Amino acid sequence: MKSTIASQKVTNPAVLLKESKTSKRMKQFKKSGPLYVLLLPSIILLICFTYIPMYGIVMAFKDYSPALGIWESPWVGFKHFIQYFNSYQFDLTLKNTLYISLYSILVGFPLPIALAILCNQIRIGMFKKVFQVTTYLPHFISTMVMCGMILIFLSPSHGLIVNLLGLIGIEMPNVLSDPSLFASVYVWSDVWQHLGWDSIIFLAALSAIDPTYYEAATMDGASKMQKILHIDLPLLLPTAMILLILRAGSLLGVGFEKVFLLQNQLNLPGSEIISTYVYKVGIQNFQYSLSTAIGLFNTVVNIIVLLLVNYMSKKLTKTSLL
């Protein structure tokens, strides 16, 4: 009887299929073992510095006291969220963050595509290499140095541009102290710094296009502009949409360092964003629970925007992250 049951188990197709899949997975795991070992340090670092610290989110729902610790501090629910939503800084920081972020996307997203297409049209090899290197180099300038350059160029008293314009009798306004011009200074300096580097992905996508498309278009008498409109742009669309989804996922994540370094008391109405406000509330004023609540609100909004843009992209262009 036992031998009959055992033979049935052995000859059962479902059991055999399951065993074959298990053995196949074990063989794949053994074959890729060295790769998993190489990946292990990265996983450990990710867990230690990304996932374990996430328990600190509970400070947003407590009146955190360093003396009591995170778990012993009293629960207060949504008190700190309500405090931020009712503060006069809520409208200001949200408006400035959205404005700078949308401005950056509208200006900084299409320009790398245009630069990649322009570079792809260059046929002189040496000139193309010089052009690429020239546009890539500003990316390696640190944020601190970049802000120092902006201050040197745009300083109202001894700035380079101010002095050059003064030689021909043109008086330049104080750009660094005008709140309405802060976003333009931030965005256009950022575009100059990262334009070439951001175009690398699009150049890689253009280089992967099958040359037969261009040959067929040439035989049909298509011009360069028609090739760009009907070959380059449609085939760049999937890559562009993925990058747009990633950019939209950080809609409220405007960089802290550059904004903070360019801030002053005069341009504060146009430069105070969520990340700088979190720094001032949490680090300078020691309101840890309030700053955690603001940061959590920022993250939740970014996740919602990411999912929304991903859903719209999937419906409209059949391209998405999920």
C-alpha atoms as a PDB file:
ATOM      1  CA  MET A   1       0.000   0.000   0.000  1.00  0.00           C
ATOM      2  CA  LYS A   2       2.788   2.408   0.946  1.00  0.00           C
ATOM      3  CA  SER A   3       4.697   1.620  -2.230  1.00  0.00           C
ATOM      4  CA  THR A   4       1.546   2.328  -4.272  1.00  0.00           C
ATOM      5  CA  ILE A   5       1.121   5.783  -2.651  1.00  0.00           C
ATOM      6  CA  ALA A   6       4.815   6.575  -3.149  1.00  0.00           C
ATOM      7  CA  SER A   7       4.605   5.591  -6.812  1.00  0.00           C
ATOM      8  CA  GLN A   8       1.526   7.783  -7.231  1.00  0.00           C
ATOM      9  CA  LYS A   9       3.417  10.730  -5.741  1.00  0.00           C
ATOM     10  CA  VAL A  10       6.350  10.143  -8.014  1.00  0.00           C
ATOM     11  CA  THR A  11       4.190   9.842 -11.136  1.00  0.00           C
ATOM     12  CA  ASN A  12       1.899  12.768 -10.183  1.00  0.00           C
ATOM     13  CA  PRO A  13       2.555  15.508 -12.807  1.00  0.00           C
ATOM     14  CA  ALA A  14       1.909  18.341 -10.326  1.00  0.00           C
ATOM     15  CA  VAL A  15       4.456  16.933  -7.871  1.00  0.00           C
ATOM     16  CA  LEU A  16       7.016  16.380 -10.607  1.00  0.00           C
ATOM     17  CA  LEU A  17       6.502  19.920 -11.957  1.00  0.00           C
ATOM     18  CA  LYS A  18       6.886  21.403  -8.475  1.00  0.00           C
ATOM     19  CA  GLU A  19      10.050  19.415  -7.798  1.00  0.00           C
ATOM     20  CA  SER A  20      11.525  20.390 -11.165  1.00  0.00           C
ATOM     21  CA  LYS A  21      10.837  24.066 -10.499  1.00  0.00           C
ATOM     22  CA  THR A  22      12.417  23.817  -7.043  1.00  0.00           C
ATOM     23  CA  SER A  23      15.521  22.104  -8.394  1.00  0.00           C
ATOM     24  CA  LYS A  24      15.754  24.635 -11.203  1.00  0.00           C
ATOM     25  CA  ARG A  25      15.599  27.531  -8.724  1.00  0.00           C
ATOM     26  CA  MET A  26      18.271  25.910  -6.555  1.00  0.00           C
ATOM     27  CA  LYS A  27      20.547  25.500  -9.573  1.00  0.00           C
ATOM     28  CA  GLN A  28      20.004  29.139 -10.565  1.00  0.00           C
ATOM     29  CA  PHE A  29      20.697  30.259  -6.998  1.00  0.00           C
ATOM     30  CA  LYS A  30      23.935  28.243  -6.847  1.00  0.00           C
ATOM     31  CA  LYS A  31      24.985  29.558 -10.239  1.00  0.00           C
ATOM     32  CA  SER A  32      24.353  33.178  -9.211  1.00  0.00           C
ATOM     33  CA  GLY A  33      25.753  32.719  -5.684  1.00  0.00           C
ATOM     34  CA  PRO A  34      28.811  34.999  -6.183  1.00  0.00           C
ATOM     35  CA  LEU A  35      26.545  37.770  -7.476  1.00  0.00           C
ATOM     36  CA  TYR A  36      24.340  37.543  -4.386  1.00  0.00           C
ATOM     37  CA  VAL A  37      27.450  37.747  -2.213  1.00  0.00           C
ATOM     38  CA  LEU A  38      28.517  40.925  -4.038  1.00  0.00           C
ATOM     39  CA  LEU A  39      25.004  42.319  -3.588  1.00  0.00           C
ATOM     40  CA  LEU A  40      24.893  41.539   0.135  1.00  0.00           C
ATOM     41  CA  PRO A  41      26.814  44.647   1.385  1.00  0.00           C
ATOM     42  CA  SER A  42      24.490  46.938  -0.580  1.00  0.00           C
ATOM     43  CA  ILE A  43      21.436  45.210   0.881  1.00  0.00           C
ATOM     44  CA  ILE A  44      22.832  45.535   4.413  1.00  0.00           C
ATOM     45  CA  LEU A  45      23.561  49.245   3.911  1.00  0.00           C
ATOM     46  CA  LEU A  46      20.087  49.791   2.448  1.00  0.00           C
ATOM     47  CA  ILE A  47      18.432  48.110   5.404  1.00  0.00           C
ATOM     48  CA  CYS A  48      20.586  49.899   7.993  1.00  0.00           C
ATOM     49  CA  PHE A  49      20.350  53.421   6.580  1.00  0.00           C
ATOM     50  CA  THR A  50      16.946  53.380   4.842  1.00  0.00           C
ATOM     51  CA  TYR A  51      14.528  50.916   6.390  1.00  0.00           C
ATOM     52  CA  ILE A  52      15.601  50.737  10.031  1.00  0.00           C
ATOM     53  CA  PRO A  53      15.506  54.548  10.530  1.00  0.00           C
ATOM     54  CA  MET A  54      11.923  54.574   9.191  1.00  0.00           C
ATOM     55  CA  TYR A  55      10.683  53.731  12.690  1.00  0.00           C
ATOM     56  CA  GLY A  56      11.396  57.393  13.491  1.00  0.00           C
ATOM     57  CA  ILE A  57       8.271  58.322  11.509  1.00  0.00           C
ATOM     58  CA  VAL A  58       6.250  57.695  14.674  1.00  0.00           C
ATOM     59  CA  MET A  59       7.697  60.965  16.045  1.00  0.00           C
ATOM     60  CA  ALA A  60       5.219  62.763  13.773  1.00  0.00           C
ATOM     61  CA  PHE A  61       2.397  61.397  15.929  1.00  0.00           C
ATOM     62  CA  LYS A  62       4.075  62.064  19.296  1.00  0.00           C
ATOM     63  CA  ASP A  63       5.357  64.964  21.386  1.00  0.00           C
ATOM     64  CA  TYR A  64       8.913  63.735  21.093  1.00  0.00           C
ATOM     65  CA  SER A  65      11.285  64.407  23.948  1.00  0.00           C
ATOM     66  CA  PRO A  66      14.944  63.341  23.715  1.00  0.00           C
ATOM     67  CA  ALA A  67      14.887  62.557  27.424  1.00  0.00           C
ATOM     68  CA  LEU A  68      11.957  60.141  27.066  1.00  0.00           C
ATOM     69  CA  GLY A  69      12.931  58.648  23.729  1.00  0.00           C
ATOM     70  CA  ILE A  70      10.730  57.832  20.777  1.00  0.00           C
ATOM     71  CA  TRP A  71       8.635  55.060  22.313  1.00  0.00           C
ATOM     72  CA  GLU A  72       8.136  56.673  25.740  1.00  0.00           C
ATOM     73  CA  SER A  73       7.042  60.057  24.362  1.00  0.00           C
ATOM     74  CA  PRO A  74       3.252  60.676  24.583  1.00  0.00           C
ATOM     75  CA  TRP A  75       1.009  60.130  21.570  1.00  0.00           C
ATOM     76  CA  VAL A  76      -0.731  63.235  20.191  1.00  0.00           C
ATOM     77  CA  GLY A  77      -2.219  61.915  16.927  1.00  0.00           C
ATOM     78  CA  PHE A  78      -2.390  64.431  14.075  1.00  0.00           C
ATOM     79  CA  LYS A  79      -1.630  67.460  16.250  1.00  0.00           C
ATOM     80  CA  HIS A  80       1.575  68.412  14.407  1.00  0.00           C
ATOM     81  CA  PHE A  81       0.022  67.956  10.969  1.00  0.00           C
ATOM     82  CA  ILE A  82      -2.839  70.272  11.940  1.00  0.00           C
ATOM     83  CA  GLN A  83      -0.341  72.761  13.373  1.00  0.00           C
ATOM     84  CA  TYR A  84       1.531  72.873  10.071  1.00  0.00           C
ATOM     85  CA  PHE A  85      -1.625  73.093   7.948  1.00  0.00           C
ATOM     86  CA  ASN A  86      -2.898  76.012  10.046  1.00  0.00           C
ATOM     87  CA  SER A  87       0.415  77.900  10.094  1.00  0.00           C
ATOM     88  CA  TYR A  88       1.084  80.863   7.794  1.00  0.00           C
ATOM     89  CA  GLN A  89       4.140  78.995   6.464  1.00  0.00           C
ATOM     90  CA  PHE A  90       2.026  76.212   4.945  1.00  0.00           C
ATOM     91  CA  ASP A  91       0.732  78.200   1.969  1.00  0.00           C
ATOM     92  CA  LEU A  92       4.088  79.918   1.439  1.00  0.00           C
ATOM     93  CA  THR A  93       6.265  76.805   1.518  1.00  0.00           C
ATOM     94  CA  LEU A  94       3.856  74.703  -0.538  1.00  0.00           C
ATOM     95  CA  LYS A  95       3.442  77.419  -3.184  1.00  0.00           C
ATOM     96  CA  ASN A  96       7.188  78.059  -3.508  1.00  0.00           C
ATOM     97  CA  THR A  97       8.021  74.342  -3.617  1.00  0.00           C
ATOM     98  CA  LEU A  98       5.420  73.599  -6.286  1.00  0.00           C
ATOM     99  CA  TYR A  99       6.404  76.645  -8.333  1.00  0.00           C
ATOM    100  CA  ILE A 100      10.135  75.859  -8.347  1.00  0.00           C
ATOM    101  CA  SER A 101       9.530  72.169  -8.989  1.00  0.00           C
ATOM    102  CA  LEU A 102       7.084  72.674 -11.868  1.00  0.00           C
ATOM    103  CA  TYR A 103       9.333  75.387 -13.301  1.00  0.00           C
ATOM    104  CA  SER A 104      12.259  72.948 -13.181  1.00  0.00           C
ATOM    105  CA  ILE A 105      10.271  70.212 -14.933  1.00  0.00           C
ATOM    106  CA  LEU A 106       8.872  72.495 -17.656  1.00  0.00           C
ATOM    107  CA  VAL A 107      12.312  73.933 -18.449  1.00  0.00           C
ATOM    108  CA  GLY A 108      14.740  71.207 -17.410  1.00  0.00           C
ATOM    109  CA  PHE A 109      12.923  68.181 -18.840  1.00  0.00           C
ATOM    110  CA  PRO A 110      12.546  68.974 -22.581  1.00  0.00           C
ATOM    111  CA  LEU A 111      15.920  70.718 -22.994  1.00  0.00           C
ATOM    112  CA  PRO A 112      18.049  67.553 -22.478  1.00  0.00           C
ATOM    113  CA  ILE A 113      15.944  65.854 -25.167  1.00  0.00           C
ATOM    114  CA  ALA A 114      16.601  68.741 -27.561  1.00  0.00           C
ATOM    115  CA  LEU A 115      20.316  68.688 -26.723  1.00  0.00           C
ATOM    116  CA  ALA A 116      20.525  64.924 -27.288  1.00  0.00           C
ATOM    117  CA  ILE A 117      18.814  65.235 -30.680  1.00  0.00           C
ATOM    118  CA  LEU A 118      21.104  68.134 -31.595  1.00  0.00           C
ATOM    119  CA  CYS A 119      24.208  66.186 -30.571  1.00  0.00           C
ATOM    120  CA  ASN A 120      22.957  63.140 -32.466  1.00  0.00           C
ATOM    121  CA  GLN A 121      22.809  65.227 -35.655  1.00  0.00           C
ATOM    122  CA  ILE A 122      26.479  66.243 -35.416  1.00  0.00           C
ATOM    123  CA  ARG A 123      28.525  64.258 -37.901  1.00  0.00           C
ATOM    124  CA  ILE A 124      32.035  65.651 -37.243  1.00  0.00           C
ATOM    125  CA  GLY A 125      33.492  63.246 -34.684  1.00  0.00           C
ATOM    126  CA  MET A 126      35.996  65.563 -32.985  1.00  0.00           C
ATOM    127  CA  PHE A 127      33.533  68.448 -32.713  1.00  0.00           C
ATOM    128  CA  LYS A 128      30.897  66.090 -31.310  1.00  0.00           C
ATOM    129  CA  LYS A 129      33.261  64.859 -28.586  1.00  0.00           C
ATOM    130  CA  VAL A 130      34.298  68.405 -27.623  1.00  0.00           C
ATOM    131  CA  PHE A 131      30.655  69.479 -27.561  1.00  0.00           C
ATOM    132  CA  GLN A 132      29.651  66.579 -25.310  1.00  0.00           C
ATOM    133  CA  VAL A 133      32.536  67.056 -22.876  1.00  0.00           C
ATOM    134  CA  THR A 134      31.848  70.800 -22.687  1.00  0.00           C
ATOM    135  CA  THR A 135      28.212  70.232 -21.780  1.00  0.00           C
ATOM    136  CA  TYR A 136      29.014  67.429 -19.292  1.00  0.00           C
ATOM    137  CA  LEU A 137      31.687  69.234 -17.257  1.00  0.00           C
ATOM    138  CA  PRO A 138      29.433  71.620 -15.248  1.00  0.00           C
ATOM    139  CA  HIS A 139      27.668  68.592 -13.747  1.00  0.00           C
ATOM    140  CA  PHE A 140      30.772  67.805 -11.675  1.00  0.00           C
ATOM    141  CA  ILE A 141      30.786  71.209  -9.961  1.00  0.00           C
ATOM    142  CA  SER A 142      29.705  70.830  -6.347  1.00  0.00           C
ATOM    143  CA  THR A 143      26.618  72.630  -5.064  1.00  0.00           C
ATOM    144  CA  MET A 144      28.695  74.804  -2.751  1.00  0.00           C
ATOM    145  CA  VAL A 145      30.984  75.929  -5.578  1.00  0.00           C
ATOM    146  CA  MET A 146      28.010  76.474  -7.870  1.00  0.00           C
ATOM    147  CA  CYS A 147      26.293  78.748  -5.358  1.00  0.00           C
ATOM    148  CA  GLY A 148      29.574  80.635  -4.868  1.00  0.00           C
ATOM    149  CA  MET A 149      29.783  81.190  -8.623  1.00  0.00           C
ATOM    150  CA  ILE A 150      26.204  82.499  -8.699  1.00  0.00           C
ATOM    151  CA  LEU A 151      26.984  84.931  -5.895  1.00  0.00           C
ATOM    152  CA  ILE A 152      30.161  86.093  -7.654  1.00  0.00           C
ATOM    153  CA  PHE A 153      28.383  86.646 -10.960  1.00  0.00           C
ATOM    154  CA  LEU A 154      25.170  88.235  -9.617  1.00  0.00           C
ATOM    155  CA  SER A 155      26.380  90.173  -6.580  1.00  0.00           C
ATOM    156  CA  PRO A 156      24.803  93.676  -6.725  1.00  0.00           C
ATOM    157  CA  SER A 157      27.952  95.401  -5.442  1.00  0.00           C
ATOM    158  CA  HIS A 158      30.937  93.659  -7.059  1.00  0.00           C
ATOM    159  CA  GLY A 159      29.407  90.950  -9.277  1.00  0.00           C
ATOM    160  CA  LEU A 160      31.099  90.145 -12.581  1.00  0.00           C
ATOM    161  CA  ILE A 161      27.960  90.588 -14.672  1.00  0.00           C
ATOM    162  CA  VAL A 162      27.034  93.804 -12.848  1.00  0.00           C
ATOM    163  CA  ASN A 163      30.453  95.309 -13.543  1.00  0.00           C
ATOM    164  CA  LEU A 164      30.410  94.268 -17.211  1.00  0.00           C
ATOM    165  CA  LEU A 165      26.980  95.777 -17.757  1.00  0.00           C
ATOM    166  CA  GLY A 166      28.051  98.888 -15.869  1.00  0.00           C
ATOM    167  CA  LEU A 167      30.812  99.477 -18.444  1.00  0.00           C
ATOM    168  CA  ILE A 168      28.167 100.003 -21.136  1.00  0.00           C
ATOM    169  CA  GLY A 169      25.851 102.015 -18.910  1.00  0.00           C
ATOM    170  CA  ILE A 170      23.299  99.308 -18.053  1.00  0.00           C
ATOM    171  CA  GLU A 171      22.215  99.015 -14.425  1.00  0.00           C
ATOM    172  CA  MET A 172      21.369  95.460 -13.445  1.00  0.00           C
ATOM    173  CA  PRO A 173      18.685  94.871 -10.788  1.00  0.00           C
ATOM    174  CA  ASN A 174      19.535  93.082  -7.560  1.00  0.00           C
ATOM    175  CA  VAL A 175      18.558  89.617  -8.732  1.00  0.00           C
ATOM    176  CA  LEU A 176      19.554  87.790  -5.560  1.00  0.00           C
ATOM    177  CA  SER A 177      17.277  89.872  -3.334  1.00  0.00           C
ATOM    178  CA  ASP A 178      14.171  89.772  -5.554  1.00  0.00           C
ATOM    179  CA  PRO A 179      11.772  86.984  -4.430  1.00  0.00           C
ATOM    180  CA  SER A 180      10.102  86.850  -7.850  1.00  0.00           C
ATOM    181  CA  LEU A 181      13.441  86.115  -9.576  1.00  0.00           C
ATOM    182  CA  PHE A 182      14.709  83.463  -7.161  1.00  0.00           C
ATOM    183  CA  ALA A 183      13.051  80.561  -9.003  1.00  0.00           C
ATOM    184  CA  SER A 184      14.558  81.689 -12.320  1.00  0.00           C
ATOM    185  CA  VAL A 185      18.052  81.906 -10.806  1.00  0.00           C
ATOM    186  CA  TYR A 186      17.658  78.443  -9.275  1.00  0.00           C
ATOM    187  CA  VAL A 187      16.178  76.748 -12.352  1.00  0.00           C
ATOM    188  CA  TRP A 188      18.354  78.233 -15.101  1.00  0.00           C
ATOM    189  CA  SER A 189      21.599  77.722 -13.184  1.00  0.00           C
ATOM    190  CA  ASP A 190      20.474  74.139 -12.567  1.00  0.00           C
ATOM    191  CA  VAL A 191      19.742  73.684 -16.266  1.00  0.00           C
ATOM    192  CA  TRP A 192      23.191  74.983 -17.209  1.00  0.00           C
ATOM    193  CA  GLN A 193      24.840  72.670 -14.711  1.00  0.00           C
ATOM    194  CA  HIS A 194      22.982  69.420 -15.478  1.00  0.00           C
ATOM    195  CA  LEU A 195      21.768  69.823 -19.064  1.00  0.00           C
ATOM    196  CA  GLY A 196      24.575  67.833 -20.681  1.00  0.00           C
ATOM    197  CA  TRP A 197      24.553  65.096 -18.068  1.00  0.00           C
ATOM    198  CA  ASP A 198      20.767  64.625 -18.275  1.00  0.00           C
ATOM    199  CA  SER A 199      21.008  64.214 -22.052  1.00  0.00           C
ATOM    200  CA  ILE A 200      23.203  61.079 -21.763  1.00  0.00           C
ATOM    201  CA  ILE A 201      20.219  58.743 -21.308  1.00  0.00           C
ATOM    202  CA  PHE A 202      18.481  60.191 -24.368  1.00  0.00           C
ATOM    203  CA  LEU A 203      21.684  59.909 -26.397  1.00  0.00           C
ATOM    204  CA  ALA A 204      21.891  56.245 -25.427  1.00  0.00           C
ATOM    205  CA  ALA A 205      18.279  55.744 -26.506  1.00  0.00           C
ATOM    206  CA  LEU A 206      18.967  57.476 -29.835  1.00  0.00           C
ATOM    207  CA  SER A 207      22.029  55.322 -30.473  1.00  0.00           C
ATOM    208  CA  ALA A 208      19.871  52.201 -30.035  1.00  0.00           C
ATOM    209  CA  ILE A 209      17.488  53.176 -32.863  1.00  0.00           C
ATOM    210  CA  ASP A 210      17.709  50.857 -35.869  1.00  0.00           C
ATOM    211  CA  PRO A 211      19.551  52.698 -38.708  1.00  0.00           C
ATOM    212  CA  THR A 212      17.202  51.125 -41.258  1.00  0.00           C
ATOM    213  CA  TYR A 213      14.511  53.574 -40.119  1.00  0.00           C
ATOM    214  CA  TYR A 214      16.671  56.492 -41.220  1.00  0.00           C
ATOM    215  CA  GLU A 215      17.623  54.742 -44.461  1.00  0.00           C
ATOM    216  CA  ALA A 216      13.985  54.125 -45.332  1.00  0.00           C
ATOM    217  CA  ALA A 217      13.099  57.724 -44.469  1.00  0.00           C
ATOM    218  CA  THR A 218      15.955  58.999 -46.660  1.00  0.00           C
ATOM    219  CA  MET A 219      14.732  56.909 -49.579  1.00  0.00           C
ATOM    220  CA  ASP A 220      11.269  58.380 -49.120  1.00  0.00           C
ATOM    221  CA  GLY A 221      12.760  61.879 -49.286  1.00  0.00           C
ATOM    222  CA  ALA A 222      12.290  62.822 -45.617  1.00  0.00           C
ATOM    223  CA  SER A 223      14.141  65.880 -44.337  1.00  0.00           C
ATOM    224  CA  LYS A 224      16.147  65.981 -41.100  1.00  0.00           C
ATOM    225  CA  MET A 225      13.279  67.660 -39.278  1.00  0.00           C
ATOM    226  CA  GLN A 226      10.840  65.017 -40.506  1.00  0.00           C
ATOM    227  CA  LYS A 227      13.191  62.271 -39.290  1.00  0.00           C
ATOM    228  CA  ILE A 228      13.335  63.923 -35.875  1.00  0.00           C
ATOM    229  CA  LEU A 229       9.548  64.321 -35.679  1.00  0.00           C
ATOM    230  CA  HIS A 230       8.610  60.872 -36.991  1.00  0.00           C
ATOM    231  CA  ILE A 231      11.535  58.674 -35.854  1.00  0.00           C
ATOM    232  CA  ASP A 232      13.538  60.216 -33.008  1.00  0.00           C
ATOM    233  CA  LEU A 233      10.741  61.679 -30.878  1.00  0.00           C
ATOM    234  CA  PRO A 234       8.329  58.689 -31.065  1.00  0.00           C
ATOM    235  CA  LEU A 235      11.105  56.237 -30.183  1.00  0.00           C
ATOM    236  CA  LEU A 236      12.335  58.490 -27.361  1.00  0.00           C
ATOM    237  CA  LEU A 237       8.851  58.702 -25.847  1.00  0.00           C
ATOM    238  CA  PRO A 238       9.055  55.564 -23.626  1.00  0.00           C
ATOM    239  CA  THR A 239      12.379  56.686 -22.123  1.00  0.00           C
ATOM    240  CA  ALA A 240      11.109  60.234 -21.687  1.00  0.00           C
ATOM    241  CA  MET A 241       7.944  59.068 -19.938  1.00  0.00           C
ATOM    242  CA  ILE A 242       9.871  56.888 -17.456  1.00  0.00           C
ATOM    243  CA  LEU A 243      12.127  59.832 -16.578  1.00  0.00           C
ATOM    244  CA  LEU A 244       9.105  62.145 -16.331  1.00  0.00           C
ATOM    245  CA  ILE A 245       7.428  59.755 -13.901  1.00  0.00           C
ATOM    246  CA  LEU A 246      10.572  59.714 -11.757  1.00  0.00           C
ATOM    247  CA  ARG A 247      10.782  63.533 -11.854  1.00  0.00           C
ATOM    248  CA  ALA A 248       7.118  63.819 -10.899  1.00  0.00           C
ATOM    249  CA  GLY A 249       7.702  61.497  -7.951  1.00  0.00           C
ATOM    250  CA  SER A 250       9.943  64.135  -6.400  1.00  0.00           C
ATOM    251  CA  LEU A 251       7.592  67.036  -7.114  1.00  0.00           C
ATOM    252  CA  LEU A 252       7.907  68.437  -3.583  1.00  0.00           C
ATOM    253  CA  GLY A 253      11.507  67.281  -3.205  1.00  0.00           C
ATOM    254  CA  VAL A 254      13.263  70.451  -4.367  1.00  0.00           C
ATOM    255  CA  GLY A 255      16.935  70.294  -3.407  1.00  0.00           C
ATOM    256  CA  PHE A 256      17.696  71.706   0.028  1.00  0.00           C
ATOM    257  CA  GLU A 257      21.375  72.640  -0.270  1.00  0.00           C
ATOM    258  CA  LYS A 258      21.214  75.021  -3.208  1.00  0.00           C
ATOM    259  CA  VAL A 259      18.081  76.810  -2.031  1.00  0.00           C
ATOM    260  CA  PHE A 260      19.445  77.205   1.485  1.00  0.00           C
ATOM    261  CA  LEU A 261      22.792  78.565   0.278  1.00  0.00           C
ATOM    262  CA  LEU A 262      21.111  81.144  -1.976  1.00  0.00           C
ATOM    263  CA  GLN A 263      18.584  82.260   0.638  1.00  0.00           C
ATOM    264  CA  ASN A 264      18.711  85.636   2.330  1.00  0.00           C
ATOM    265  CA  GLN A 265      16.267  87.743   4.302  1.00  0.00           C
ATOM    266  CA  LEU A 266      15.200  89.715   1.223  1.00  0.00           C
ATOM    267  CA  ASN A 267      14.318  86.796  -1.076  1.00  0.00           C
ATOM    268  CA  LEU A 268      12.830  84.622   1.690  1.00  0.00           C
ATOM    269  CA  PRO A 269       9.198  85.055   0.482  1.00  0.00           C
ATOM    270  CA  GLY A 270      10.192  83.383  -2.782  1.00  0.00           C
ATOM    271  CA  SER A 271      12.824  80.941  -1.536  1.00  0.00           C
ATOM    272  CA  GLU A 272      11.337  79.344   1.563  1.00  0.00           C
ATOM    273  CA  ILE A 273      10.439  75.775   0.573  1.00  0.00           C
ATOM    274  CA  ILE A 274       9.370  72.712   2.528  1.00  0.00           C
ATOM    275  CA  SER A 275      12.870  71.237   2.937  1.00  0.00           C
ATOM    276  CA  THR A 276      14.409  74.477   4.236  1.00  0.00           C
ATOM    277  CA  TYR A 277      11.459  75.005   6.576  1.00  0.00           C
ATOM    278  CA  VAL A 278      11.869  71.448   7.927  1.00  0.00           C
ATOM    279  CA  TYR A 279      15.550  72.185   8.611  1.00  0.00           C
ATOM    280  CA  LYS A 280      14.783  75.406  10.456  1.00  0.00           C
ATOM    281  CA  VAL A 281      11.966  73.865  12.492  1.00  0.00           C
ATOM    282  CA  GLY A 282      13.749  70.622  13.345  1.00  0.00           C
ATOM    283  CA  ILE A 283      17.438  71.539  13.630  1.00  0.00           C
ATOM    284  CA  GLN A 284      17.374  75.214  14.600  1.00  0.00           C
ATOM    285  CA  ASN A 285      14.188  75.285  16.720  1.00  0.00           C
ATOM    286  CA  PHE A 286      14.378  71.684  18.035  1.00  0.00           C
ATOM    287  CA  GLN A 287      10.750  70.909  17.090  1.00  0.00           C
ATOM    288  CA  TYR A 288      11.509  67.356  16.010  1.00  0.00           C
ATOM    289  CA  SER A 289       7.940  66.079  15.919  1.00  0.00           C
ATOM    290  CA  LEU A 290       6.714  68.992  13.800  1.00  0.00           C
ATOM    291  CA  SER A 291       9.573  68.650  11.332  1.00  0.00           C
ATOM    292  CA  THR A 292       8.941  64.890  11.060  1.00  0.00           C
ATOM    293  CA  ALA A 293       5.250  65.538  10.367  1.00  0.00           C
ATOM    294  CA  ILE A 294       6.086  68.021   7.616  1.00  0.00           C
ATOM    295  CA  GLY A 295       8.579  65.610   6.063  1.00  0.00           C
ATOM    296  CA  LEU A 296       6.039  62.766   6.192  1.00  0.00           C
ATOM    297  CA  PHE A 297       3.427  64.985   4.517  1.00  0.00           C
ATOM    298  CA  ASN A 298       5.974  65.774   1.819  1.00  0.00           C
ATOM    299  CA  THR A 299       6.681  62.067   1.225  1.00  0.00           C
ATOM    300  CA  VAL A 300       3.009  61.084   1.078  1.00  0.00           C
ATOM    301  CA  VAL A 301       2.253  63.779  -1.501  1.00  0.00           C
ATOM    302  CA  ASN A 302       5.213  62.653  -3.616  1.00  0.00           C
ATOM    303  CA  ILE A 303       3.999  59.033  -3.543  1.00  0.00           C
ATOM    304  CA  ILE A 304       0.473  60.077  -4.568  1.00  0.00           C
ATOM    305  CA  VAL A 305       1.782  62.207  -7.439  1.00  0.00           C
ATOM    306  CA  LEU A 306       4.094  59.380  -8.553  1.00  0.00           C
ATOM    307  CA  LEU A 307       1.237  56.862  -8.665  1.00  0.00           C
ATOM    308  CA  LEU A 308      -1.057  59.333 -10.436  1.00  0.00           C
ATOM    309  CA  VAL A 309       1.474  60.227 -13.139  1.00  0.00           C
ATOM    310  CA  ASN A 310       2.386  56.558 -13.555  1.00  0.00           C
ATOM    311  CA  TYR A 311      -1.302  55.680 -14.035  1.00  0.00           C
ATOM    312  CA  MET A 312      -1.830  58.482 -16.566  1.00  0.00           C
ATOM    313  CA  SER A 313       1.304  57.500 -18.479  1.00  0.00           C
ATOM    314  CA  LYS A 314       0.160  53.875 -18.620  1.00  0.00           C
ATOM    315  CA  LYS A 315      -3.242  54.885 -19.977  1.00  0.00           C
ATOM    316  CA  LEU A 316      -1.985  57.445 -22.509  1.00  0.00           C
ATOM    317  CA  THR A 317       1.359  56.037 -23.727  1.00  0.00           C
ATOM    318  CA  LYS A 318       1.318  52.392 -22.502  1.00  0.00           C
ATOM    319  CA  THR A 319       4.557  53.148 -20.614  1.00  0.00           C
ATOM    320  CA  SER A 320       4.835  52.894 -16.833  1.00  0.00           C
ATOM    321  CA  LEU A 321       7.034  51.764 -13.968  1.00  0.00           C
ATOM    322  CA  LEU A 322       4.601  49.070 -12.852  1.00  0.00           C
END
